[in-house]
Structures are given as C-alpha cells and as structure tokens.
Amino acid sequence: MVLKWTSVDEIAELLHDGQPDRDPLGVRFTELRDLIMALPGFEDDPAHLNEKILEAVQMAWFEEFKAD
C-alpha cells in the first residue's frame, strides 16, 4: 500500500496500531510528521505537507485512540 499525505485514515490506523497507548493529542506536529514519514509505504513529497493535513491525521488518530 502506498501512503500519501492525503491517506489520513490509513495513516491514523497505522499510527494507532504502532502506538496504541499513546495519546495523539500529546504529539507535536514535528514528531507527527516524522512518524508519518517513517511509516512503511509512505511515499510523498514533504513539500506537500501542511498544518491542515497534520491536524486531520492527529484527529483521526485520536478517534482511533478514543475507540479503544
């Protein structure tokens, strides 16, 4: 599976699976960017990233976190 910045739900699921006990709201955007870029299958240009995307990923990850 190839992940892009717009693969918000897939990224959130992978982050949650990899760190199920971590509260996503405590993750700084710089760390979140690094976590996303380290995911297997992530292949997108860092220049295409913006704060809106990081907020969307963080909130989707938080929804996964709350569901547990």
Protein backbone atom coordinates (compact mmCIF):
# COMPACT_ATOMS: atom_id res chain seq x y z
CA MET A 1 0.00 0.00 0.00
CA VAL A 2 1.35 3.41 -0.97
CA LEU A 3 0.56 6.19 1.50
CA LYS A 4 0.33 9.86 0.64
CA TRP A 5 -0.32 12.85 2.90
CA THR A 6 -3.97 12.57 1.91
CA SER A 7 -4.20 8.96 3.20
CA VAL A 8 -5.37 10.37 6.53
CA ASP A 9 -7.45 7.43 7.78
CA GLU A 10 -4.90 4.80 6.78
CA ILE A 11 -2.09 6.78 8.41
CA ALA A 12 -4.12 7.21 11.60
CA GLU A 13 -4.82 3.47 11.78
CA LEU A 14 -1.14 2.61 11.32
CA LEU A 15 -0.06 5.13 13.94
CA HIS A 16 -2.62 3.76 16.38
CA ASP A 17 -1.60 0.16 15.68
CA GLY A 18 2.06 1.06 16.24
CA GLN A 19 1.46 3.13 19.38
CA PRO A 20 -1.93 2.12 20.82
CA ASP A 21 -1.35 3.60 24.29
CA ARG A 22 -0.08 6.98 23.13
CA ASP A 23 -2.42 9.96 23.30
CA PRO A 24 -2.19 11.58 19.85
CA LEU A 25 -3.05 14.99 21.27
CA GLY A 26 0.29 14.97 23.10
CA VAL A 27 2.31 14.51 19.89
CA ARG A 28 3.93 17.63 18.49
CA PHE A 29 3.45 18.27 14.79
CA THR A 30 7.18 17.94 14.08
CA GLU A 31 7.21 14.49 15.68
CA LEU A 32 3.96 13.54 13.95
CA ARG A 33 5.49 14.46 10.59
CA ASP A 34 8.49 12.24 11.35
CA LEU A 35 6.28 9.35 12.49
CA ILE A 36 4.25 9.55 9.29
CA MET A 37 7.29 9.73 7.05
CA ALA A 38 8.72 6.63 8.79
CA LEU A 39 5.63 4.51 8.09
CA PRO A 40 6.14 1.61 5.70
CA GLY A 41 4.72 2.50 2.32
CA PHE A 42 4.78 6.25 2.85
CA GLU A 43 5.89 7.87 -0.40
CA ASP A 44 5.04 11.53 -0.66
CA ASP A 45 6.92 14.77 -1.01
CA PRO A 46 7.47 16.55 2.33
CA ALA A 47 6.89 19.82 0.47
CA HIS A 48 3.22 18.84 0.07
CA LEU A 49 2.67 18.76 3.84
CA ASN A 50 0.77 21.49 5.64
CA GLU A 51 -0.67 22.06 9.11
CA LYS A 52 -4.20 21.20 7.98
CA ILE A 53 -3.08 17.70 6.98
CA LEU A 54 -1.28 17.15 10.28
CA GLU A 55 -4.38 18.29 12.19
CA ALA A 56 -6.55 15.88 10.20
CA VAL A 57 -4.18 12.97 10.88
CA GLN A 58 -3.96 13.84 14.57
CA MET A 59 -7.74 13.99 14.95
CA ALA A 60 -8.26 10.73 13.02
CA TRP A 61 -5.62 9.07 15.20
CA PHE A 62 -7.36 10.48 18.29
CA GLU A 63 -10.68 8.94 17.15
CA GLU A 64 -8.92 5.57 16.91
CA PHE A 65 -7.41 6.14 20.37
CA LYS A 66 -10.81 7.02 21.92
CA ALA A 67 -12.46 3.97 20.36
CA ASP A 68 -10.28 1.59 22.40
